[in-house]
Amino acid sequence: MSQNIAQIIRTSGSWSGSAGTISLDYEGRFFRRKLLTSTDGEKILVDLPQTTSLNQGDAVELTDGRLMEITAAPEPVLIVTGENLARIGWHIGNRHTPCQIEADRLIILDDPVIAHMLDHVGARCVKATLPFTPEGGAYGHGRTHSHDHGNSAHTHDHSHAH
């Protein structure tokens, strides 16, 4: 049996028709080369020219022309609510934490350290298992940079004295 290979991404909204499905959690949707398994058990080697963040609704195109839609798999998250969601959201963003923004709640990956911090700024955090589809950031799709800045010149103070 020949290997199914995908080297082309079709972004959400740029394709239509039938497609198989590949369900991946947030971390699993960020890669360059990876062997994936569709929900039907088909093995697909995705081999992209650069590391890419795939989003809910994107599709990979196989060399035979078929499409496999990427869906966000349910994973452990925190549903964050509170009196001042704008202030709570600022604290989440200040820690470069990926965040799914909805009208009446914020959703982040389950992180006890961030939950503890949010408790101190008046947030309520409830654990759940849901598909996680955070905002992509101002300069691109998918990912915001991690809090590990490495050797970059980017510095700022995370004290409460902002």
Protein backbone atom coordinates (compact mmCIF):
# COMPACT_ATOMS: atom_id res chain seq x y z
CA MET A 1 0.00 0.00 0.00
CA SER A 2 1.38 3.43 -0.91
CA GLN A 3 1.90 6.16 1.68
CA ASN A 4 -0.72 8.92 1.78
CA ILE A 5 1.17 12.22 1.75
CA ALA A 6 -0.12 15.77 2.25
CA GLN A 7 2.03 18.79 1.42
CA ILE A 8 -0.65 21.42 0.80
CA ILE A 9 -2.81 23.25 3.36
CA ARG A 10 -6.23 24.61 2.42
CA THR A 11 -7.26 27.23 4.96
CA SER A 12 -10.72 27.23 6.49
CA GLY A 13 -13.19 28.84 4.08
CA SER A 14 -10.97 28.30 1.02
CA TRP A 15 -12.20 24.79 0.28
CA SER A 16 -15.51 22.97 0.06
CA GLY A 17 -16.84 19.51 -0.55
CA SER A 18 -16.37 16.25 1.26
CA ALA A 19 -13.35 15.51 3.40
CA GLY A 20 -12.08 12.99 5.88
CA THR A 21 -11.34 14.18 9.40
CA ILE A 22 -8.21 14.43 11.53
CA SER A 23 -8.85 15.45 15.14
CA LEU A 24 -5.90 17.08 16.95
CA ASP A 25 -5.49 18.94 20.23
CA TYR A 26 -3.98 22.44 20.34
CA GLU A 27 -0.34 21.32 20.63
CA GLY A 28 -0.90 18.59 18.03
CA ARG A 29 -1.98 21.19 15.44
CA PHE A 30 1.50 22.79 15.38
CA PHE A 31 4.12 20.94 13.32
CA ARG A 32 6.09 20.71 10.09
CA ARG A 33 6.30 16.97 9.46
CA LYS A 34 4.12 14.46 11.24
CA LEU A 35 2.40 11.13 10.74
CA LEU A 36 -1.28 11.61 11.50
CA THR A 37 -4.21 9.23 11.71
CA SER A 38 -7.66 10.17 10.43
CA THR A 39 -10.76 9.39 12.48
CA ASP A 40 -11.28 6.48 10.03
CA GLY A 41 -7.82 5.07 10.84
CA GLU A 42 -6.05 6.17 7.65
CA LYS A 43 -2.36 7.06 8.13
CA ILE A 44 -1.27 10.32 6.50
CA LEU A 45 2.20 11.80 6.39
CA VAL A 46 1.93 15.58 6.44
CA ASP A 47 5.18 17.09 5.15
CA LEU A 48 5.05 20.89 5.01
CA PRO A 49 7.79 23.31 3.90
CA GLN A 50 7.75 25.05 7.29
CA THR A 51 6.36 24.63 10.78
CA THR A 52 2.69 25.56 10.63
CA SER A 53 -0.20 26.04 13.02
CA LEU A 54 -3.31 24.38 11.64
CA ASN A 55 -6.67 25.75 12.71
CA GLN A 56 -10.12 24.25 13.15
CA GLY A 57 -11.57 23.89 9.63
CA ASP A 58 -8.28 23.91 7.73
CA ALA A 59 -7.67 20.90 5.49
CA VAL A 60 -4.62 19.09 4.22
CA GLU A 61 -4.69 17.99 0.59
CA LEU A 62 -3.38 14.51 -0.16
CA THR A 63 -1.34 13.83 -3.29
CA ASP A 64 -4.36 11.98 -4.72
CA GLY A 65 -6.48 15.18 -4.37
CA ARG A 66 -8.56 14.11 -1.37
CA LEU A 67 -8.92 16.47 1.58
CA MET A 68 -8.65 15.79 5.31
CA GLU A 69 -10.28 18.42 7.51
CA ILE A 70 -8.55 19.38 10.75
CA THR A 71 -10.84 19.51 13.78
CA ALA A 72 -9.99 20.63 17.30
CA ALA A 73 -10.04 17.63 19.63
CA PRO A 74 -11.57 18.02 23.10
CA GLU A 75 -8.88 18.58 25.75
CA PRO A 76 -8.66 19.79 29.36
CA VAL A 77 -9.41 23.53 29.56
CA LEU A 78 -10.47 26.15 32.05
CA ILE A 79 -13.59 28.19 31.44
CA VAL A 80 -12.84 31.62 32.88
CA THR A 81 -15.55 34.06 33.91
CA GLY A 82 -15.67 37.08 36.19
CA GLU A 83 -16.96 40.60 36.77
CA ASN A 84 -14.31 42.27 34.61
CA LEU A 85 -13.45 39.99 31.67
CA ALA A 86 -11.36 42.73 30.03
CA ARG A 87 -9.07 42.93 33.09
CA ILE A 88 -8.95 39.14 33.38
CA GLY A 89 -8.13 38.89 29.67
CA TRP A 90 -5.32 41.41 30.10
CA HIS A 91 -3.74 39.21 32.79
CA ILE A 92 -4.06 36.13 30.56
CA GLY A 93 -2.50 37.98 27.62
CA ASN A 94 0.26 39.43 29.78
CA ARG A 95 1.40 35.85 30.39
CA HIS A 96 1.26 35.04 26.66
CA THR A 97 -1.30 32.32 27.40
CA PRO A 98 -3.30 31.20 24.34
CA CYS A 99 -6.92 32.21 24.90
CA GLN A 100 -10.22 31.49 23.21
CA ILE A 101 -12.34 34.63 23.53
CA GLU A 102 -16.12 34.36 23.66
CA ALA A 103 -18.79 36.96 24.51
CA ASP A 104 -19.24 35.95 28.15
CA ARG A 105 -16.22 33.79 28.92
CA LEU A 106 -12.58 33.08 28.15
CA ILE A 107 -11.18 29.59 27.63
CA ILE A 108 -7.56 28.62 28.28
CA LEU A 109 -5.72 25.32 28.54
CA ASP A 110 -5.93 23.82 32.03
CA ASP A 111 -2.98 25.30 33.95
CA PRO A 112 -3.06 25.34 37.76
CA VAL A 113 -0.50 28.17 38.00
CA ILE A 114 -2.51 30.45 35.71
CA ALA A 115 -5.74 29.42 37.49
CA HIS A 116 -4.20 30.45 40.83
CA MET A 117 -3.15 33.82 39.41
CA LEU A 118 -6.62 34.36 37.91
CA ASP A 119 -8.24 33.58 41.24
CA HIS A 120 -6.27 36.49 42.72
CA VAL A 121 -7.66 38.92 40.12
CA GLY A 122 -11.29 37.91 40.72
CA ALA A 123 -11.80 35.27 38.04
CA ARG A 124 -13.74 32.05 38.40
CA CYS A 125 -12.21 29.02 36.67
CA VAL A 126 -14.15 25.85 35.93
CA LYS A 127 -12.46 22.76 34.51
CA ALA A 128 -13.97 21.27 31.35
CA THR A 129 -13.05 19.14 28.36
CA LEU A 130 -13.73 21.02 25.12
CA PRO A 131 -12.19 21.67 21.71
CA PHE A 132 -9.74 24.57 22.17
CA THR A 133 -9.50 27.15 19.38
CA PRO A 134 -7.64 30.21 20.69
CA GLU A 135 -7.18 33.56 18.98
CA GLY A 136 -4.21 33.66 16.62
CA GLY A 137 -2.48 36.86 17.67
CA ALA A 138 -1.98 40.18 15.97
CA TYR A 139 0.74 39.16 13.52
CA GLY A 140 -0.37 35.83 12.15
CA HIS A 141 -2.61 32.84 12.46
CA GLY A 142 -2.60 30.17 15.09
CA ARG A 143 0.09 30.82 17.65
CA THR A 144 1.23 33.52 19.96
CA HIS A 145 4.81 33.16 21.09
CA SER A 146 5.49 31.25 24.28
CA HIS A 147 6.61 32.91 27.45
CA ASP A 148 10.09 31.45 26.99
CA HIS A 149 11.74 34.36 25.19
CA GLY A 150 15.11 32.65 24.90
CA ASN A 151 17.83 35.09 23.92
CA SER A 152 15.51 37.67 22.40
CA ALA A 153 15.69 41.31 23.35
CA HIS A 154 12.01 41.22 24.36
CA THR A 155 11.78 42.01 28.09
CA HIS A 156 9.07 43.17 30.40
CA ASP A 157 8.16 43.06 34.06
CA HIS A 158 5.36 40.71 35.12
CA SER A 159 4.97 42.15 38.62
CA HIS A 160 1.59 43.41 39.76
CA ALA A 161 2.88 47.00 39.74
CA HIS A 162 2.06 47.68 36.06
